[in-house]
Amino acid sequence: MNESEYIRYLLLNQSENPRSKELELEVMRLRNEINKIGVNINQIVKNSNSHIYGEDDKIQLEQNICEIKECVQILIEKKFMN
């Protein structure tokens, strides 16, 4: 069962899970944050296509994205290990 399937399972079986309201709120918060990240990515792409960023900026951005991915992966692992 992958992560998405697990979350769907929890959401669809709310009556069996006493923490379902808490999970629902957390999913809503995460969805909101992902939406904000998407808006930021769109702005970055627009600026990149407008040649506002230099090569050094793009390299730094790629490094930052890799760091974010690592942090998210650590959080996911901690969340599902509890």
C-alpha atoms as a PDB file:
ATOM      1  CA  MET A   1       0.000   0.000   0.000  1.00  0.00           C
ATOM      2  CA  ASN A   2       1.580   3.260  -1.059  1.00  0.00           C
ATOM      3  CA  GLU A   3       1.221   6.584   0.720  1.00  0.00           C
ATOM      4  CA  SER A   4      -1.748   7.844  -1.338  1.00  0.00           C
ATOM      5  CA  GLU A   5      -3.633   4.583  -0.912  1.00  0.00           C
ATOM      6  CA  TYR A   6      -3.011   4.680   2.844  1.00  0.00           C
ATOM      7  CA  ILE A   7      -4.332   8.241   3.161  1.00  0.00           C
ATOM      8  CA  ARG A   8      -7.386   7.337   1.051  1.00  0.00           C
ATOM      9  CA  TYR A   9      -7.976   4.311   3.248  1.00  0.00           C
ATOM     10  CA  LEU A  10      -7.847   6.433   6.393  1.00  0.00           C
ATOM     11  CA  LEU A  11     -10.168   9.044   4.940  1.00  0.00           C
ATOM     12  CA  LEU A  12     -12.707   6.532   3.654  1.00  0.00           C
ATOM     13  CA  ASN A  13     -12.748   4.596   6.932  1.00  0.00           C
ATOM     14  CA  GLN A  14     -13.223   7.544   9.259  1.00  0.00           C
ATOM     15  CA  SER A  15     -15.727   5.773  11.500  1.00  0.00           C
ATOM     16  CA  GLU A  16     -13.106   3.134  12.301  1.00  0.00           C
ATOM     17  CA  ASN A  17     -10.410   5.681  13.049  1.00  0.00           C
ATOM     18  CA  PRO A  18     -10.892   7.935  16.103  1.00  0.00           C
ATOM     19  CA  ARG A  19      -8.253  10.354  14.802  1.00  0.00           C
ATOM     20  CA  SER A  20     -10.068  10.868  11.494  1.00  0.00           C
ATOM     21  CA  LYS A  21     -10.963  14.522  12.155  1.00  0.00           C
ATOM     22  CA  GLU A  22      -7.370  15.250  13.064  1.00  0.00           C
ATOM     23  CA  LEU A  23      -6.203  13.500   9.904  1.00  0.00           C
ATOM     24  CA  GLU A  24      -8.762  15.368   7.813  1.00  0.00           C
ATOM     25  CA  LEU A  25      -7.508  18.701   9.154  1.00  0.00           C
ATOM     26  CA  GLU A  26      -3.906  17.705   8.501  1.00  0.00           C
ATOM     27  CA  VAL A  27      -4.723  16.679   4.923  1.00  0.00           C
ATOM     28  CA  MET A  28      -6.467  20.029   4.399  1.00  0.00           C
ATOM     29  CA  ARG A  29      -3.416  21.876   5.754  1.00  0.00           C
ATOM     30  CA  LEU A  30      -1.109  19.860   3.522  1.00  0.00           C
ATOM     31  CA  ARG A  31      -3.283  20.482   0.479  1.00  0.00           C
ATOM     32  CA  ASN A  32      -3.191  24.209   1.247  1.00  0.00           C
ATOM     33  CA  GLU A  33       0.593  24.180   1.585  1.00  0.00           C
ATOM     34  CA  ILE A  34       1.011  22.198  -1.634  1.00  0.00           C
ATOM     35  CA  ASN A  35      -1.176  24.750  -3.409  1.00  0.00           C
ATOM     36  CA  LYS A  36       1.041  27.590  -2.136  1.00  0.00           C
ATOM     37  CA  ILE A  37       4.147  25.722  -3.281  1.00  0.00           C
ATOM     38  CA  GLY A  38       2.555  25.269  -6.720  1.00  0.00           C
ATOM     39  CA  VAL A  39       1.904  29.006  -6.963  1.00  0.00           C
ATOM     40  CA  ASN A  40       5.534  29.700  -6.064  1.00  0.00           C
ATOM     41  CA  ILE A  41       6.766  27.192  -8.640  1.00  0.00           C
ATOM     42  CA  ASN A  42       4.619  28.848 -11.314  1.00  0.00           C
ATOM     43  CA  GLN A  43       6.144  32.228 -10.440  1.00  0.00           C
ATOM     44  CA  ILE A  44       9.654  30.781 -10.615  1.00  0.00           C
ATOM     45  CA  VAL A  45       8.970  29.200 -14.018  1.00  0.00           C
ATOM     46  CA  LYS A  46       7.491  32.440 -15.346  1.00  0.00           C
ATOM     47  CA  ASN A  47      10.515  34.413 -14.179  1.00  0.00           C
ATOM     48  CA  SER A  48      12.887  31.797 -15.534  1.00  0.00           C
ATOM     49  CA  ASN A  49      11.201  31.909 -18.939  1.00  0.00           C
ATOM     50  CA  SER A  50      11.495  35.705 -18.811  1.00  0.00           C
ATOM     51  CA  HIS A  51      15.267  35.268 -18.314  1.00  0.00           C
ATOM     52  CA  ILE A  52      15.188  37.061 -14.958  1.00  0.00           C
ATOM     53  CA  TYR A  53      17.280  34.338 -13.298  1.00  0.00           C
ATOM     54  CA  GLY A  54      20.913  33.657 -14.105  1.00  0.00           C
ATOM     55  CA  GLU A  55      22.552  30.237 -14.228  1.00  0.00           C
ATOM     56  CA  ASP A  56      23.853  30.602 -10.649  1.00  0.00           C
ATOM     57  CA  ASP A  57      20.303  31.265  -9.456  1.00  0.00           C
ATOM     58  CA  LYS A  58      19.044  28.157 -11.240  1.00  0.00           C
ATOM     59  CA  ILE A  59      21.796  26.000  -9.712  1.00  0.00           C
ATOM     60  CA  GLN A  60      20.984  27.340  -6.242  1.00  0.00           C
ATOM     61  CA  LEU A  61      17.286  26.702  -6.823  1.00  0.00           C
ATOM     62  CA  GLU A  62      17.959  23.092  -7.816  1.00  0.00           C
ATOM     63  CA  GLN A  63      20.022  22.595  -4.647  1.00  0.00           C
ATOM     64  CA  ASN A  64      17.238  24.099  -2.535  1.00  0.00           C
ATOM     65  CA  ILE A  65      14.649  21.831  -4.158  1.00  0.00           C
ATOM     66  CA  CYS A  66      16.805  18.777  -3.400  1.00  0.00           C
ATOM     67  CA  GLU A  67      17.059  19.852   0.248  1.00  0.00           C
ATOM     68  CA  ILE A  68      13.282  20.309   0.425  1.00  0.00           C
ATOM     69  CA  LYS A  69      12.727  16.846  -1.065  1.00  0.00           C
ATOM     70  CA  GLU A  70      15.012  15.316   1.558  1.00  0.00           C
ATOM     71  CA  CYS A  71      13.196  17.131   4.384  1.00  0.00           C
ATOM     72  CA  VAL A  72       9.786  16.052   3.089  1.00  0.00           C
ATOM     73  CA  GLN A  73      10.964  12.450   2.808  1.00  0.00           C
ATOM     74  CA  ILE A  74      12.219  12.524   6.405  1.00  0.00           C
ATOM     75  CA  LEU A  75       8.875  13.927   7.598  1.00  0.00           C
ATOM     76  CA  ILE A  76       6.936  11.284   5.682  1.00  0.00           C
ATOM     77  CA  GLU A  77       9.077   8.510   7.162  1.00  0.00           C
ATOM     78  CA  LYS A  78       8.625   9.873  10.699  1.00  0.00           C
ATOM     79  CA  LYS A  79       4.864  10.302  10.233  1.00  0.00           C
ATOM     80  CA  PHE A  80       4.323   6.746   9.031  1.00  0.00           C
ATOM     81  CA  MET A  81       6.661   5.190  11.612  1.00  0.00           C
ATOM     82  CA  ASN A  82       4.599   6.526  14.515  1.00  0.00           C
END
